[in-house]
Amino acid sequence: MRLVKRIEIFANYVELGKILESLEKSGIPGHTVIKNVTGKGRGGTASDDFAMTLLDNIYIIAFFPPEKLPLVEVNIRNTLNKFGGTCFISDAMELETTKCVS
């Protein structure tokens, strides 16, 4: 197993491109995006009662080596301060596996 950092970002769909650009600029090329996320947080309730729009919420999750944390923090903070969103960074363990060859 190997220690990694997990970054989770909640934002409006319209900001997706800017956020992914910030992740890439930080050296995090891989990510997962889940669209049409609903829930309740500090900003109130996000509902899925309406037709899909550019204001729908997204959830982005990515993993990166701990040594990239200072760069990730600066780039993501700048982007979210400009465009909005919420970010969480935590420790995680990557279970390293070998590829099966058939």
Protein backbone atom coordinates (compact mmCIF):
# COMPACT_ATOMS: atom_id res chain seq x y z
CA MET A 1 0.00 0.00 0.00
CA ARG A 2 1.06 3.54 -0.65
CA LEU A 3 0.04 6.83 1.00
CA VAL A 4 -1.76 9.27 -1.34
CA LYS A 5 -3.91 12.38 -0.96
CA ARG A 6 -7.57 12.39 -2.00
CA ILE A 7 -9.13 15.61 -3.27
CA GLU A 8 -12.90 15.96 -3.45
CA ILE A 9 -14.50 19.02 -5.02
CA PHE A 10 -18.16 20.03 -5.18
CA ALA A 11 -18.97 22.83 -7.64
CA ASN A 12 -21.34 23.98 -10.37
CA TYR A 13 -21.10 22.15 -13.68
CA VAL A 14 -20.29 25.38 -15.53
CA GLU A 15 -16.96 25.55 -13.64
CA LEU A 16 -15.87 21.99 -14.52
CA GLY A 17 -13.40 22.96 -17.24
CA LYS A 18 -11.64 25.51 -15.05
CA ILE A 19 -11.35 23.07 -12.15
CA LEU A 20 -10.02 20.23 -14.32
CA GLU A 21 -7.51 22.66 -15.85
CA SER A 22 -6.31 23.53 -12.33
CA LEU A 23 -5.93 19.85 -11.45
CA GLU A 24 -3.92 19.22 -14.61
CA LYS A 25 -1.77 22.30 -13.96
CA SER A 26 -1.05 20.82 -10.51
CA GLY A 27 0.16 17.55 -12.00
CA ILE A 28 -3.04 15.55 -11.42
CA PRO A 29 -4.04 14.22 -14.86
CA GLY A 30 -6.53 11.58 -13.62
CA HIS A 31 -9.92 12.25 -12.04
CA THR A 32 -13.52 11.10 -11.83
CA VAL A 33 -16.49 13.43 -12.35
CA ILE A 34 -19.99 12.63 -11.14
CA LYS A 35 -22.67 14.92 -12.56
CA ASN A 36 -26.04 15.99 -11.17
CA VAL A 37 -25.04 15.69 -7.50
CA THR A 38 -27.66 16.67 -4.94
CA GLY A 39 -27.52 17.16 -1.19
CA LYS A 40 -27.39 19.74 1.56
CA GLY A 41 -24.33 21.64 2.72
CA ARG A 42 -23.21 25.05 3.94
CA GLY A 43 -24.68 26.65 0.81
CA GLY A 44 -28.13 25.13 1.40
CA THR A 45 -29.93 22.35 -0.46
CA ALA A 46 -29.06 21.34 -4.02
CA SER A 47 -32.11 19.71 -5.56
CA ASP A 48 -32.59 17.58 -8.65
CA ASP A 49 -36.23 18.61 -9.11
CA PHE A 50 -35.51 20.64 -12.23
CA ALA A 51 -34.37 19.73 -15.74
CA MET A 52 -30.58 19.47 -16.16
CA THR A 53 -28.94 22.86 -16.54
CA LEU A 54 -25.45 24.31 -16.43
CA LEU A 55 -26.10 25.09 -12.75
CA ASP A 56 -26.20 21.41 -11.78
CA ASN A 57 -23.67 20.36 -9.19
CA ILE A 58 -20.73 18.08 -9.87
CA TYR A 59 -18.46 15.99 -7.67
CA ILE A 60 -14.82 15.56 -8.67
CA ILE A 61 -12.52 13.07 -6.98
CA ALA A 62 -8.84 12.55 -7.69
CA PHE A 63 -5.77 11.10 -5.99
CA PHE A 64 -2.22 12.41 -6.01
CA PRO A 65 1.17 11.97 -4.31
CA PRO A 66 1.53 13.89 -1.01
CA GLU A 67 4.48 15.91 -2.32
CA LYS A 68 2.16 17.66 -4.82
CA LEU A 69 -0.04 19.04 -2.01
CA PRO A 70 1.41 22.60 -1.89
CA LEU A 71 0.92 23.12 -5.64
CA VAL A 72 -2.54 21.52 -5.62
CA GLU A 73 -3.62 23.66 -2.68
CA VAL A 74 -2.55 26.93 -4.32
CA ASN A 75 -4.03 26.16 -7.75
CA ILE A 76 -7.36 24.79 -6.50
CA ARG A 77 -7.79 27.52 -3.88
CA ASN A 78 -7.24 30.21 -6.55
CA THR A 79 -9.77 28.59 -8.88
CA LEU A 80 -12.43 28.05 -6.21
CA ASN A 81 -11.98 31.57 -4.80
CA LYS A 82 -12.63 32.91 -8.29
CA PHE A 83 -15.46 30.61 -9.38
CA GLY A 84 -16.89 28.99 -6.22
CA GLY A 85 -17.07 25.45 -4.91
CA THR A 86 -16.05 23.40 -1.91
CA CYS A 87 -12.92 21.28 -1.59
CA PHE A 88 -11.76 18.58 0.82
CA ILE A 89 -8.31 17.02 0.90
CA SER A 90 -7.61 13.96 3.01
CA ASP A 91 -5.19 11.07 3.40
CA ALA A 92 -5.86 7.78 1.64
CA MET A 93 -4.06 4.53 0.97
CA GLU A 94 -3.68 3.13 -2.53
CA LEU A 95 -3.80 -0.61 -2.73
CA GLU A 96 -1.20 -1.42 -5.36
CA THR A 97 -2.07 -4.42 -7.49
CA THR A 98 -0.40 -6.29 -10.30
CA LYS A 99 -2.04 -6.51 -13.68
CA CYS A 100 -3.31 -9.92 -14.68
CA VAL A 101 -1.96 -11.21 -17.97
CA SER A 102 -4.03 -13.84 -19.74
